[in-house]
């Protein structure tokens, strides 16, 4: 498992993805498979609570295996997102690199209350 040298890259592609958290199970937000030949620079993860009345808890974790496998390490743990508000879990000042065979999951305390947006660069 390796990552490209970020000084000598041939391609940087900006990406933005989103997911609605419809269960209280861990949902894979982003996965970088083994042998992808890429490193993913996470610039932003934002969680919005779309429930107009109730707060909802969220946990964002980085896993030491792709597809939410392996051991989870919390980036934010059981943070309450107020009703009709949002939480920035990662931003440019706290950017992280997701190397090969690693992943990021998001877990909601309440189903159907949270939506997540991730912005990242795919570097190869």
PDB file of N, CA and C in Angstrom:
ATOM      1  N   UNK A   1       0.825  -1.167   0.000  1.00  0.00           N
ATOM      2  CA  UNK A   1       0.000   0.000   0.000  1.00  0.00           C
ATOM      3  C   UNK A   1       0.879   1.243   0.000  1.00  0.00           C
ATOM      4  N   UNK A   2       0.677   2.054  -0.988  1.00  0.00           N
ATOM      5  CA  UNK A   2       1.461   3.272  -1.058  1.00  0.00           C
ATOM      6  C   UNK A   2       0.575   4.413  -1.506  1.00  0.00           C
ATOM      7  N   UNK A   3       1.134   5.573  -1.465  1.00  0.00           N
ATOM      8  CA  UNK A   3       0.441   6.765  -1.940  1.00  0.00           C
ATOM      9  C   UNK A   3       1.384   7.488  -2.883  1.00  0.00           C
ATOM     10  N   UNK A   4       0.848   8.156  -3.893  1.00  0.00           N
ATOM     11  CA  UNK A   4       1.730   8.867  -4.813  1.00  0.00           C
ATOM     12  C   UNK A   4       2.453  10.011  -4.112  1.00  0.00           C
ATOM     13  N   UNK A   5       3.622  10.323  -4.610  1.00  0.00           N
ATOM     14  CA  UNK A   5       4.364  11.476  -4.128  1.00  0.00           C
ATOM     15  C   UNK A   5       3.574  12.716  -4.530  1.00  0.00           C
ATOM     16  N   UNK A   6       3.104  13.492  -3.567  1.00  0.00           N
ATOM     17  CA  UNK A   6       2.233  14.623  -3.873  1.00  0.00           C
ATOM     18  C   UNK A   6       2.971  15.784  -4.535  1.00  0.00           C
ATOM     19  N   UNK A   7       4.284  15.677  -4.660  1.00  0.00           N
ATOM     20  CA  UNK A   7       5.043  16.700  -5.382  1.00  0.00           C
ATOM     21  C   UNK A   7       5.081  16.378  -6.871  1.00  0.00           C
ATOM     22  N   UNK A   8       5.090  15.112  -7.213  1.00  0.00           N
ATOM     23  CA  UNK A   8       5.199  14.680  -8.611  1.00  0.00           C
ATOM     24  C   UNK A   8       3.932  13.986  -9.098  1.00  0.00           C
ATOM     25  N   UNK A   9       2.793  14.626  -8.960  1.00  0.00           N
ATOM     26  CA  UNK A   9       1.538  14.007  -9.383  1.00  0.00           C
ATOM     27  C   UNK A   9       1.247  14.330 -10.847  1.00  0.00           C
ATOM     28  N   UNK A  10       0.472  13.476 -11.480  1.00  0.00           N
ATOM     29  CA  UNK A  10       0.073  13.733 -12.867  1.00  0.00           C
ATOM     30  C   UNK A  10      -1.356  14.245 -12.959  1.00  0.00           C
ATOM     31  N   UNK A  11      -2.180  13.929 -11.955  1.00  0.00           N
ATOM     32  CA  UNK A  11      -3.582  14.320 -12.003  1.00  0.00           C
ATOM     33  C   UNK A  11      -4.086  14.710 -10.616  1.00  0.00           C
ATOM     34  N   UNK A  12      -4.819  15.823 -10.552  1.00  0.00           N
ATOM     35  CA  UNK A  12      -5.562  16.212  -9.355  1.00  0.00           C
ATOM     36  C   UNK A  12      -6.976  16.540  -9.818  1.00  0.00           C
ATOM     37  N   UNK A  13      -7.937  15.769  -9.325  1.00  0.00           N
ATOM     38  CA  UNK A  13      -9.329  15.960  -9.715  1.00  0.00           C
ATOM     39  C   UNK A  13     -10.129  16.358  -8.477  1.00  0.00           C
ATOM     40  N   UNK A  14     -10.817  17.486  -8.539  1.00  0.00           N
ATOM     41  CA  UNK A  14     -11.670  17.924  -7.445  1.00  0.00           C
ATOM     42  C   UNK A  14     -12.991  17.176  -7.469  1.00  0.00           C
ATOM     43  N   UNK A  15     -13.424  16.717  -6.307  1.00  0.00           N
ATOM     44  CA  UNK A  15     -14.667  15.950  -6.206  1.00  0.00           C
ATOM     45  C   UNK A  15     -15.486  16.452  -5.015  1.00  0.00           C
ATOM     46  N   UNK A  16     -16.800  16.355  -5.160  1.00  0.00           N
ATOM     47  CA  UNK A  16     -17.724  16.626  -4.062  1.00  0.00           C
ATOM     48  C   UNK A  16     -18.808  15.553  -4.107  1.00  0.00           C
ATOM     49  N   UNK A  17     -19.059  14.916  -2.967  1.00  0.00           N
ATOM     50  CA  UNK A  17     -20.085  13.883  -2.865  1.00  0.00           C
ATOM     51  C   UNK A  17     -20.984  14.184  -1.674  1.00  0.00           C
ATOM     52  N   UNK A  18     -22.136  13.550  -1.648  1.00  0.00           N
ATOM     53  CA  UNK A  18     -23.077  13.757  -0.545  1.00  0.00           C
ATOM     54  C   UNK A  18     -23.798  12.454  -0.233  1.00  0.00           C
ATOM     55  N   UNK A  19     -24.305  12.375   0.991  1.00  0.00           N
ATOM     56  CA  UNK A  19     -25.060  11.203   1.414  1.00  0.00           C
ATOM     57  C   UNK A  19     -26.045  11.628   2.507  1.00  0.00           C
ATOM     58  N   UNK A  20     -27.252  11.079   2.437  1.00  0.00           N
ATOM     59  CA  UNK A  20     -28.228  11.236   3.512  1.00  0.00           C
ATOM     60  C   UNK A  20     -28.097  10.015   4.421  1.00  0.00           C
ATOM     61  N   UNK A  21     -28.036  10.243   5.716  1.00  0.00           N
ATOM     62  CA  UNK A  21     -27.869   9.149   6.667  1.00  0.00           C
ATOM     63  C   UNK A  21     -29.241   8.612   7.055  1.00  0.00           C
ATOM     64  N   UNK A  22     -29.658   7.549   6.387  1.00  0.00           N
ATOM     65  CA  UNK A  22     -31.009   7.001   6.553  1.00  0.00           C
ATOM     66  C   UNK A  22     -31.104   5.929   7.634  1.00  0.00           C
ATOM     67  N   UNK A  23     -29.964   5.548   8.214  1.00  0.00           N
ATOM     68  CA  UNK A  23     -29.950   4.563   9.297  1.00  0.00           C
ATOM     69  C   UNK A  23     -29.024   5.072  10.401  1.00  0.00           C
ATOM     70  N   UNK A  24     -28.978   4.320  11.489  1.00  0.00           N
ATOM     71  CA  UNK A  24     -28.040   4.639  12.565  1.00  0.00           C
ATOM     72  C   UNK A  24     -26.805   3.749  12.496  1.00  0.00           C
ATOM     73  N   UNK A  25     -26.655   3.019  11.412  1.00  0.00           N
ATOM     74  CA  UNK A  25     -25.453   2.216  11.172  1.00  0.00           C
ATOM     75  C   UNK A  25     -24.386   3.101  10.528  1.00  0.00           C
ATOM     76  N   UNK A  26     -23.143   2.715  10.665  1.00  0.00           N
ATOM     77  CA  UNK A  26     -22.054   3.446  10.009  1.00  0.00           C
ATOM     78  C   UNK A  26     -22.255   3.392   8.495  1.00  0.00           C
ATOM     79  N   UNK A  27     -22.194   4.550   7.858  1.00  0.00           N
ATOM     80  CA  UNK A  27     -22.348   4.668   6.407  1.00  0.00           C
ATOM     81  C   UNK A  27     -21.008   5.085   5.823  1.00  0.00           C
ATOM     82  N   UNK A  28     -20.534   4.369   4.810  1.00  0.00           N
ATOM     83  CA  UNK A  28     -19.263   4.718   4.175  1.00  0.00           C
ATOM     84  C   UNK A  28     -19.458   6.021   3.402  1.00  0.00           C
ATOM     85  N   UNK A  29     -18.684   7.021   3.768  1.00  0.00           N
ATOM     86  CA  UNK A  29     -18.712   8.317   3.088  1.00  0.00           C
ATOM     87  C   UNK A  29     -17.723   8.327   1.937  1.00  0.00           C
ATOM     88  N   UNK A  30     -16.531   7.754   2.166  1.00  0.00           N
ATOM     89  CA  UNK A  30     -15.490   7.722   1.148  1.00  0.00           C
ATOM     90  C   UNK A  30     -14.566   6.550   1.432  1.00  0.00           C
ATOM     91  N   UNK A  31     -14.181   5.844   0.374  1.00  0.00           N
ATOM     92  CA  UNK A  31     -13.280   4.704   0.509  1.00  0.00           C
ATOM     93  C   UNK A  31     -12.200   4.799  -0.558  1.00  0.00           C
ATOM     94  N   UNK A  32     -10.963   4.514  -0.174  1.00  0.00           N
ATOM     95  CA  UNK A  32      -9.849   4.474  -1.109  1.00  0.00           C
ATOM     96  C   UNK A  32      -9.333   3.033  -1.125  1.00  0.00           C
ATOM     97  N   UNK A  33      -9.714   2.261  -2.140  1.00  0.00           N
ATOM     98  CA  UNK A  33      -9.347   0.840  -2.183  1.00  0.00           C
ATOM     99  C   UNK A  33      -7.833   0.615  -2.225  1.00  0.00           C
ATOM    100  N   UNK A  34      -7.429  -0.561  -1.773  1.00  0.00           N
ATOM    101  CA  UNK A  34      -6.026  -0.962  -1.870  1.00  0.00           C
ATOM    102  C   UNK A  34      -5.620  -0.963  -3.340  1.00  0.00           C
ATOM    103  N   UNK A  35      -4.395  -0.566  -3.615  1.00  0.00           N
ATOM    104  CA  UNK A  35      -3.820  -0.550  -4.966  1.00  0.00           C
ATOM    105  C   UNK A  35      -4.535   0.407  -5.913  1.00  0.00           C
ATOM    106  N   UNK A  36      -5.175   1.445  -5.372  1.00  0.00           N
ATOM    107  CA  UNK A  36      -5.840   2.427  -6.234  1.00  0.00           C
ATOM    108  C   UNK A  36      -4.834   3.332  -6.945  1.00  0.00           C
ATOM    109  N   UNK A  37      -3.641   3.456  -6.370  1.00  0.00           N
ATOM    110  CA  UNK A  37      -2.644   4.363  -6.934  1.00  0.00           C
ATOM    111  C   UNK A  37      -2.981   5.823  -6.684  1.00  0.00           C
ATOM    112  N   UNK A  38      -3.886   6.067  -5.715  1.00  0.00           N
ATOM    113  CA  UNK A  38      -4.343   7.427  -5.432  1.00  0.00           C
ATOM    114  C   UNK A  38      -4.243   7.733  -3.948  1.00  0.00           C
ATOM    115  N   UNK A  39      -4.126   9.008  -3.654  1.00  0.00           N
ATOM    116  CA  UNK A  39      -4.321   9.503  -2.303  1.00  0.00           C
ATOM    117  C   UNK A  39      -5.444  10.529  -2.408  1.00  0.00           C
ATOM    118  N   UNK A  40      -6.320  10.554  -1.422  1.00  0.00           N
ATOM    119  CA  UNK A  40      -7.457  11.461  -1.438  1.00  0.00           C
ATOM    120  C   UNK A  40      -7.257  12.506  -0.353  1.00  0.00           C
ATOM    121  N   UNK A  41      -7.189  13.767  -0.750  1.00  0.00           N
ATOM    122  CA  UNK A  41      -7.022  14.856   0.218  1.00  0.00           C
ATOM    123  C   UNK A  41      -8.407  15.380   0.573  1.00  0.00           C
ATOM    124  N   UNK A  42      -8.797  15.177   1.823  1.00  0.00           N
ATOM    125  CA  UNK A  42     -10.110  15.590   2.301  1.00  0.00           C
ATOM    126  C   UNK A  42     -10.026  17.059   2.721  1.00  0.00           C
ATOM    127  N   UNK A  43     -10.757  17.904   2.009  1.00  0.00           N
ATOM    128  CA  UNK A  43     -10.752  19.340   2.295  1.00  0.00           C
ATOM    129  C   UNK A  43     -11.885  19.768   3.207  1.00  0.00           C
ATOM    130  N   UNK A  44     -13.017  19.056   3.147  1.00  0.00           N
ATOM    131  CA  UNK A  44     -14.168  19.475   3.936  1.00  0.00           C
ATOM    132  C   UNK A  44     -15.138  18.326   4.122  1.00  0.00           C
ATOM    133  N   UNK A  45     -15.618  18.174   5.340  1.00  0.00           N
ATOM    134  CA  UNK A  45     -16.754  17.305   5.640  1.00  0.00           C
ATOM    135  C   UNK A  45     -17.707  18.141   6.472  1.00  0.00           C
ATOM    136  N   UNK A  46     -18.924  18.302   5.961  1.00  0.00           N
ATOM    137  CA  UNK A  46     -19.934  19.095   6.667  1.00  0.00           C
ATOM    138  C   UNK A  46     -21.185  18.256   6.849  1.00  0.00           C
ATOM    139  N   UNK A  47     -21.733  18.309   8.062  1.00  0.00           N
ATOM    140  CA  UNK A  47     -22.932  17.555   8.391  1.00  0.00           C
ATOM    141  C   UNK A  47     -24.039  18.549   8.694  1.00  0.00           C
ATOM    142  N   UNK A  48     -25.178  18.418   8.012  1.00  0.00           N
ATOM    143  CA  UNK A  48     -26.328  19.291   8.237  1.00  0.00           C
ATOM    144  C   UNK A  48     -27.455  18.495   8.872  1.00  0.00           C
ATOM    145  N   UNK A  49     -28.066  19.079   9.892  1.00  0.00           N
ATOM    146  CA  UNK A  49     -29.241  18.487  10.517  1.00  0.00           C
ATOM    147  C   UNK A  49     -30.465  19.083   9.829  1.00  0.00           C
ATOM    148  N   UNK A  50     -31.212  18.268   9.103  1.00  0.00           N
ATOM    149  CA  UNK A  50     -32.375  18.738   8.351  1.00  0.00           C
ATOM    150  C   UNK A  50     -33.673  18.607   9.149  1.00  0.00           C
ATOM    151  N   UNK A  51     -33.585  18.151  10.384  1.00  0.00           N
ATOM    152  CA  UNK A  51     -34.748  18.081  11.267  1.00  0.00           C
ATOM    153  C   UNK A  51     -34.965  19.479  11.849  1.00  0.00           C
ATOM    154  N   UNK A  52     -36.134  20.027  11.695  1.00  0.00           N
ATOM    155  CA  UNK A  52     -36.420  21.381  12.161  1.00  0.00           C
ATOM    156  C   UNK A  52     -36.684  21.496  13.638  1.00  0.00           C
ATOM    157  N   UNK A  53     -36.716  20.365  14.352  1.00  0.00           N
ATOM    158  CA  UNK A  53     -37.084  20.404  15.763  1.00  0.00           C
ATOM    159  C   UNK A  53     -36.022  19.829  16.697  1.00  0.00           C
ATOM    160  N   UNK A  54     -35.430  18.701  16.313  1.00  0.00           N
ATOM    161  CA  UNK A  54     -34.567  17.953  17.228  1.00  0.00           C
ATOM    162  C   UNK A  54     -33.102  17.959  16.822  1.00  0.00           C
ATOM    163  N   UNK A  55     -32.235  17.998  17.821  1.00  0.00           N
ATOM    164  CA  UNK A  55     -30.799  17.817  17.596  1.00  0.00           C
ATOM    165  C   UNK A  55     -30.534  16.346  17.254  1.00  0.00           C
ATOM    166  N   UNK A  56     -29.409  16.090  16.596  1.00  0.00           N
ATOM    167  CA  UNK A  56     -29.027  14.713  16.256  1.00  0.00           C
ATOM    168  C   UNK A  56     -27.523  14.564  16.433  1.00  0.00           C
ATOM    169  N   UNK A  57     -27.101  13.446  16.993  1.00  0.00           N
ATOM    170  CA  UNK A  57     -25.681  13.169  17.201  1.00  0.00           C
ATOM    171  C   UNK A  57     -25.048  12.598  15.938  1.00  0.00           C
ATOM    172  N   UNK A  58     -23.745  12.880  15.772  1.00  0.00           N
ATOM    173  CA  UNK A  58     -23.004  12.343  14.637  1.00  0.00           C
ATOM    174  C   UNK A  58     -21.608  11.937  15.080  1.00  0.00           C
ATOM    175  N   UNK A  59     -21.101  10.871  14.477  1.00  0.00           N
ATOM    176  CA  UNK A  59     -19.718  10.437  14.655  1.00  0.00           C
ATOM    177  C   UNK A  59     -19.120  10.250  13.269  1.00  0.00           C
ATOM    178  N   UNK A  60     -17.934  10.804  13.057  1.00  0.00           N
ATOM    179  CA  UNK A  60     -17.197  10.643  11.801  1.00  0.00           C
ATOM    180  C   UNK A  60     -15.906   9.924  12.149  1.00  0.00           C
ATOM    181  N   UNK A  61     -15.633   8.821  11.452  1.00  0.00           N
ATOM    182  CA  UNK A  61     -14.458   8.007  11.772  1.00  0.00           C
ATOM    183  C   UNK A  61     -13.636   7.702  10.532  1.00  0.00           C
ATOM    184  N   UNK A  62     -12.331   7.602  10.734  1.00  0.00           N
ATOM    185  CA  UNK A  62     -11.431   7.116   9.695  1.00  0.00           C
ATOM    186  C   UNK A  62     -11.088   5.670  10.041  1.00  0.00           C
ATOM    187  N   UNK A  63     -11.158   4.798   9.030  1.00  0.00           N
ATOM    188  CA  UNK A  63     -10.886   3.372   9.226  1.00  0.00           C
ATOM    189  C   UNK A  63      -9.563   2.997   8.576  1.00  0.00           C
ATOM    190  N   UNK A  64      -8.872   2.047   9.192  1.00  0.00           N
ATOM    191  CA  UNK A  64      -7.589   1.608   8.648  1.00  0.00           C
ATOM    192  C   UNK A  64      -7.744   0.502   7.616  1.00  0.00           C
ATOM    193  N   UNK A  65      -8.929   0.414   7.015  1.00  0.00           N
ATOM    194  CA  UNK A  65      -9.185  -0.497   5.888  1.00  0.00           C
ATOM    195  C   UNK A  65     -10.274   0.140   5.020  1.00  0.00           C
ATOM    196  N   UNK A  66     -10.310  -0.250   3.769  1.00  0.00           N
ATOM    197  CA  UNK A  66     -11.299   0.289   2.828  1.00  0.00           C
ATOM    198  C   UNK A  66     -12.705  -0.180   3.202  1.00  0.00           C
ATOM    199  N   UNK A  67     -13.700   0.510   2.662  1.00  0.00           N
ATOM    200  CA  UNK A  67     -15.117   0.141   2.779  1.00  0.00           C
ATOM    201  C   UNK A  67     -15.611   0.054   4.223  1.00  0.00           C
ATOM    202  N   UNK A  68     -15.046   0.872   5.105  1.00  0.00           N
ATOM    203  CA  UNK A  68     -15.485   0.889   6.494  1.00  0.00           C
ATOM    204  C   UNK A  68     -14.984  -0.277   7.314  1.00  0.00           C
ATOM    205  N   UNK A  69     -13.995  -1.007   6.797  1.00  0.00           N
ATOM    206  CA  UNK A  69     -13.454  -2.159   7.513  1.00  0.00           C
ATOM    207  C   UNK A  69     -12.356  -1.761   8.491  1.00  0.00           C
ATOM    208  N   UNK A  70     -11.827  -2.729   9.158  1.00  0.00           N
ATOM    209  CA  UNK A  70     -10.723  -2.487  10.085  1.00  0.00           C
ATOM    210  C   UNK A  70     -11.167  -1.737  11.329  1.00  0.00           C
ATOM    211  N   UNK A  71     -10.235  -1.043  11.925  1.00  0.00           N
ATOM    212  CA  UNK A  71     -10.484  -0.304  13.156  1.00  0.00           C
ATOM    213  C   UNK A  71     -10.880   1.134  12.833  1.00  0.00           C
ATOM    214  N   UNK A  72     -11.879   1.635  13.538  1.00  0.00           N
ATOM    215  CA  UNK A  72     -12.346   3.012  13.361  1.00  0.00           C
ATOM    216  C   UNK A  72     -11.635   3.927  14.358  1.00  0.00           C
ATOM    217  N   UNK A  73     -11.220   5.097  13.878  1.00  0.00           N
ATOM    218  CA  UNK A  73     -10.606   6.121  14.705  1.00  0.00           C
ATOM    219  C   UNK A  73     -11.429   7.387  14.540  1.00  0.00           C
ATOM    220  N   UNK A  74     -11.970   7.901  15.636  1.00  0.00           N
ATOM    221  CA  UNK A  74     -12.918   9.012  15.566  1.00  0.00           C
ATOM    222  C   UNK A  74     -12.249  10.328  15.174  1.00  0.00           C
ATOM    223  N   UNK A  75     -12.835  10.988  14.179  1.00  0.00           N
ATOM    224  CA  UNK A  75     -12.482  12.370  13.860  1.00  0.00           C
ATOM    225  C   UNK A  75     -13.333  13.305  14.708  1.00  0.00           C
ATOM    226  N   UNK A  76     -14.629  13.017  14.788  1.00  0.00           N
ATOM    227  CA  UNK A  76     -15.539  13.645  15.750  1.00  0.00           C
ATOM    228  C   UNK A  76     -16.382  12.518  16.332  1.00  0.00           C
ATOM    229  N   UNK A  77     -16.664  12.596  17.619  1.00  0.00           N
ATOM    230  CA  UNK A  77     -17.356  11.498  18.277  1.00  0.00           C
ATOM    231  C   UNK A  77     -18.587  11.990  19.024  1.00  0.00           C
ATOM    232  N   UNK A  78     -19.733  11.500  18.619  1.00  0.00           N
ATOM    233  CA  UNK A  78     -21.017  11.774  19.260  1.00  0.00           C
ATOM    234  C   UNK A  78     -21.213  13.270  19.517  1.00  0.00           C
ATOM    235  N   UNK A  79     -21.042  14.057  18.467  1.00  0.00           N
ATOM    236  CA  UNK A  79     -21.253  15.500  18.541  1.00  0.00           C
ATOM    237  C   UNK A  79     -22.714  15.790  18.223  1.00  0.00           C
ATOM    238  N   UNK A  80     -23.345  16.623  19.021  1.00  0.00           N
ATOM    239  CA  UNK A  80     -24.728  16.994  18.798  1.00  0.00           C
ATOM    240  C   UNK A  80     -24.808  18.122  17.768  1.00  0.00           C
ATOM    241  N   UNK A  81     -25.574  17.890  16.711  1.00  0.00           N
ATOM    242  CA  UNK A  81     -25.811  18.907  15.690  1.00  0.00           C
ATOM    243  C   UNK A  81     -27.214  19.457  15.952  1.00  0.00           C
ATOM    244  N   UNK A  82     -27.330  20.732  16.332  1.00  0.00           N
ATOM    245  CA  UNK A  82     -28.649  21.297  16.634  1.00  0.00           C
ATOM    246  C   UNK A  82     -29.595  21.240  15.438  1.00  0.00           C
ATOM    247  N   UNK A  83     -30.881  21.319  15.704  1.00  0.00           N
ATOM    248  CA  UNK A  83     -31.897  21.338  14.646  1.00  0.00           C
ATOM    249  C   UNK A  83     -31.609  22.477  13.680  1.00  0.00           C
ATOM    250  N   UNK A  84     -31.765  22.204  12.391  1.00  0.00           N
ATOM    251  CA  UNK A  84     -31.564  23.201  11.327  1.00  0.00           C
ATOM    252  C   UNK A  84     -30.199  23.884  11.399  1.00  0.00           C
ATOM    253  N   UNK A  85     -29.170  23.140  11.785  1.00  0.00           N
ATOM    254  CA  UNK A  85     -27.809  23.684  11.877  1.00  0.00           C
ATOM    255  C   UNK A  85     -26.850  22.709  11.204  1.00  0.00           C
ATOM    256  N   UNK A  86     -25.593  23.124  11.108  1.00  0.00           N
ATOM    257  CA  UNK A  86     -24.587  22.240  10.512  1.00  0.00           C
ATOM    258  C   UNK A  86     -23.309  22.252  11.333  1.00  0.00           C
ATOM    259  N   UNK A  87     -22.512  21.225  11.117  1.00  0.00           N
ATOM    260  CA  UNK A  87     -21.235  21.041  11.799  1.00  0.00           C
ATOM    261  C   UNK A  87     -20.174  20.795  10.746  1.00  0.00           C
ATOM    262  N   UNK A  88     -19.073  21.510  10.823  1.00  0.00           N
ATOM    263  CA  UNK A  88     -17.936  21.248   9.947  1.00  0.00           C
ATOM    264  C   UNK A  88     -16.977  20.348  10.718  1.00  0.00           C
ATOM    265  N   UNK A  89     -16.873  19.103  10.283  1.00  0.00           N
ATOM    266  CA  UNK A  89     -16.018  18.124  10.960  1.00  0.00           C
ATOM    267  C   UNK A  89     -14.570  18.231  10.492  1.00  0.00           C
ATOM    268  N   UNK A  90     -14.375  18.561   9.213  1.00  0.00           N
ATOM    269  CA  UNK A  90     -13.044  18.751   8.626  1.00  0.00           C
ATOM    270  C   UNK A  90     -13.134  19.953   7.707  1.00  0.00           C
ATOM    271  N   UNK A  91     -12.121  20.818   7.777  1.00  0.00           N
ATOM    272  CA  UNK A  91     -12.045  21.924   6.821  1.00  0.00           C
ATOM    273  C   UNK A  91     -10.611  22.047   6.333  1.00  0.00           C
ATOM    274  N   UNK A  92     -10.354  23.036   5.471  1.00  0.00           N
ATOM    275  CA  UNK A  92      -9.009  23.189   4.870  1.00  0.00           C
ATOM    276  C   UNK A  92      -7.913  23.274   5.919  1.00  0.00           C
ATOM    277  N   UNK A  93      -8.203  23.880   7.068  1.00  0.00           N
ATOM    278  CA  UNK A  93      -7.162  24.034   8.089  1.00  0.00           C
ATOM    279  C   UNK A  93      -6.882  22.722   8.821  1.00  0.00           C
ATOM    280  N   UNK A  94      -7.774  21.736   8.696  1.00  0.00           N
ATOM    281  CA  UNK A  94      -7.570  20.436   9.334  1.00  0.00           C
ATOM    282  C   UNK A  94      -7.627  19.303   8.308  1.00  0.00           C
ATOM    283  N   UNK A  95      -7.293  19.601   7.052  1.00  0.00           N
ATOM    284  CA  UNK A  95      -7.372  18.618   5.970  1.00  0.00           C
ATOM    285  C   UNK A  95      -6.587  17.358   6.323  1.00  0.00           C
ATOM    286  N   UNK A  96      -7.079  16.221   5.832  1.00  0.00           N
ATOM    287  CA  UNK A  96      -6.409  14.943   6.062  1.00  0.00           C
ATOM    288  C   UNK A  96      -6.246  14.219   4.731  1.00  0.00           C
ATOM    289  N   UNK A  97      -5.295  13.308   4.675  1.00  0.00           N
ATOM    290  CA  UNK A  97      -5.077  12.474   3.491  1.00  0.00           C
ATOM    291  C   UNK A  97      -5.616  11.081   3.765  1.00  0.00           C
ATOM    292  N   UNK A  98      -6.364  10.563   2.820  1.00  0.00           N
ATOM    293  CA  UNK A  98      -6.873   9.208   2.903  1.00  0.00           C
ATOM    294  C   UNK A  98      -6.045   8.355   1.947  1.00  0.00           C
ATOM    295  N   UNK A  99      -5.145   7.563   2.517  1.00  0.00           N
ATOM    296  CA  UNK A  99      -4.263   6.729   1.715  1.00  0.00           C
ATOM    297  C   UNK A  99      -4.989   5.469   1.248  1.00  0.00           C
ATOM    298  N   UNK A 100      -4.301   4.677   0.438  1.00  0.00           N
ATOM    299  CA  UNK A 100      -4.875   3.425  -0.042  1.00  0.00           C
ATOM    300  C   UNK A 100      -5.293   2.533   1.118  1.00  0.00           C
ATOM    301  N   UNK A 101      -6.374   1.782   0.896  1.00  0.00           N
ATOM    302  CA  UNK A 101      -6.917   0.838   1.867  1.00  0.00           C
ATOM    303  C   UNK A 101      -7.321   1.516   3.173  1.00  0.00           C
ATOM    304  N   UNK A 102      -7.952   2.682   3.040  1.00  0.00           N
ATOM    305  CA  UNK A 102      -8.498   3.405   4.191  1.00  0.00           C
ATOM    306  C   UNK A 102      -9.862   3.957   3.775  1.00  0.00           C
ATOM    307  N   UNK A 103     -10.679   4.318   4.768  1.00  0.00           N
ATOM    308  CA  UNK A 103     -12.010   4.828   4.463  1.00  0.00           C
ATOM    309  C   UNK A 103     -12.509   5.743   5.579  1.00  0.00           C
ATOM    310  N   UNK A 104     -13.584   6.462   5.271  1.00  0.00           N
ATOM    311  CA  UNK A 104     -14.238   7.342   6.234  1.00  0.00           C
ATOM    312  C   UNK A 104     -15.703   6.953   6.305  1.00  0.00           C
ATOM    313  N   UNK A 105     -16.206   6.802   7.536  1.00  0.00           N
ATOM    314  CA  UNK A 105     -17.620   6.510   7.739  1.00  0.00           C
ATOM    315  C   UNK A 105     -18.247   7.601   8.590  1.00  0.00           C
ATOM    316  N   UNK A 106     -19.575   7.688   8.477  1.00  0.00           N
ATOM    317  CA  UNK A 106     -20.355   8.624   9.285  1.00  0.00           C
ATOM    318  C   UNK A 106     -21.493   7.832   9.916  1.00  0.00           C
ATOM    319  N   UNK A 107     -21.723   8.071  11.203  1.00  0.00           N
ATOM    320  CA  UNK A 107     -22.787   7.374  11.923  1.00  0.00           C
ATOM    321  C   UNK A 107     -23.713   8.395  12.558  1.00  0.00           C
ATOM    322  N   UNK A 108     -24.997   8.266  12.276  1.00  0.00           N
ATOM    323  CA  UNK A 108     -26.006   9.167  12.833  1.00  0.00           C
ATOM    324  C   UNK A 108     -26.606   8.561  14.094  1.00  0.00           C
ATOM    325  N   UNK A 109     -26.907   9.414  15.063  1.00  0.00           N
ATOM    326  CA  UNK A 109     -27.609   8.966  16.261  1.00  0.00           C
ATOM    327  C   UNK A 109     -29.087   8.764  15.998  1.00  0.00           C
ATOM    328  N   UNK A 110     -29.607   9.458  14.977  1.00  0.00           N
ATOM    329  CA  UNK A 110     -31.022   9.369  14.597  1.00  0.00           C
ATOM    330  C   UNK A 110     -31.098   9.234  13.081  1.00  0.00           C
ATOM    331  N   UNK A 111     -31.846   8.266  12.595  1.00  0.00           N
ATOM    332  CA  UNK A 111     -31.984   8.065  11.150  1.00  0.00           C
ATOM    333  C   UNK A 111     -32.770   9.211  10.515  1.00  0.00           C
ATOM    334  N   UNK A 112     -32.410   9.538   9.281  1.00  0.00           N
ATOM    335  CA  UNK A 112     -33.116  10.491   8.429  1.00  0.00           C
ATOM    336  C   UNK A 112     -33.046  11.952   8.874  1.00  0.00           C
ATOM    337  N   UNK A 113     -32.133  12.291   9.792  1.00  0.00           N
ATOM    338  CA  UNK A 113     -32.012  13.679  10.246  1.00  0.00           C
ATOM    339  C   UNK A 113     -30.773  14.376   9.705  1.00  0.00           C
ATOM    340  N   UNK A 114     -29.773  13.621   9.266  1.00  0.00           N
ATOM    341  CA  UNK A 114     -28.493  14.226   8.894  1.00  0.00           C
ATOM    342  C   UNK A 114     -28.143  13.977   7.433  1.00  0.00           C
ATOM    343  N   UNK A 115     -27.564  15.010   6.811  1.00  0.00           N
ATOM    344  CA  UNK A 115     -27.030  14.909   5.458  1.00  0.00           C
ATOM    345  C   UNK A 115     -25.577  15.363   5.494  1.00  0.00           C
ATOM    346  N   UNK A 116     -24.733  14.696   4.713  1.00  0.00           N
ATOM    347  CA  UNK A 116     -23.291  14.935   4.754  1.00  0.00           C
ATOM    348  C   UNK A 116     -22.781  15.309   3.375  1.00  0.00           C
ATOM    349  N   UNK A 117     -21.900  16.307   3.318  1.00  0.00           N
ATOM    350  CA  UNK A 117     -21.220  16.681   2.094  1.00  0.00           C
ATOM    351  C   UNK A 117     -19.718  16.580   2.349  1.00  0.00           C
ATOM    352  N   UNK A 118     -19.015  15.986   1.402  1.00  0.00           N
ATOM    353  CA  UNK A 118     -17.556  15.867   1.468  1.00  0.00           C
ATOM    354  C   UNK A 118     -16.959  16.452   0.196  1.00  0.00           C
ATOM    355  N   UNK A 119     -15.923  17.229   0.364  1.00  0.00           N
ATOM    356  CA  UNK A 119     -15.176  17.787  -0.766  1.00  0.00           C
ATOM    357  C   UNK A 119     -13.733  17.298  -0.637  1.00  0.00           C
ATOM    358  N   UNK A 120     -13.215  16.750  -1.736  1.00  0.00           N
ATOM    359  CA  UNK A 120     -11.867  16.182  -1.673  1.00  0.00           C
ATOM    360  C   UNK A 120     -11.182  16.251  -3.022  1.00  0.00           C
ATOM    361  N   UNK A 121      -9.868  16.034  -3.016  1.00  0.00           N
ATOM    362  CA  UNK A 121      -9.070  15.990  -4.233  1.00  0.00           C
ATOM    363  C   UNK A 121      -8.545  14.580  -4.405  1.00  0.00           C
ATOM    364  N   UNK A 122      -8.748  14.044  -5.602  1.00  0.00           N
ATOM    365  CA  UNK A 122      -8.234  12.717  -5.962  1.00  0.00           C
ATOM    366  C   UNK A 122      -6.880  12.934  -6.646  1.00  0.00           C
ATOM    367  N   UNK A 123      -5.816  12.502  -6.000  1.00  0.00           N
ATOM    368  CA  UNK A 123      -4.453  12.770  -6.454  1.00  0.00           C
ATOM    369  C   UNK A 123      -3.795  11.484  -6.926  1.00  0.00           C
ATOM    370  N   UNK A 124      -3.279  11.505  -8.162  1.00  0.00           N
ATOM    371  CA  UNK A 124      -2.573  10.324  -8.670  1.00  0.00           C
ATOM    372  C   UNK A 124      -1.444  10.753  -9.577  1.00  0.00           C
TER     373      UNK A 124
END
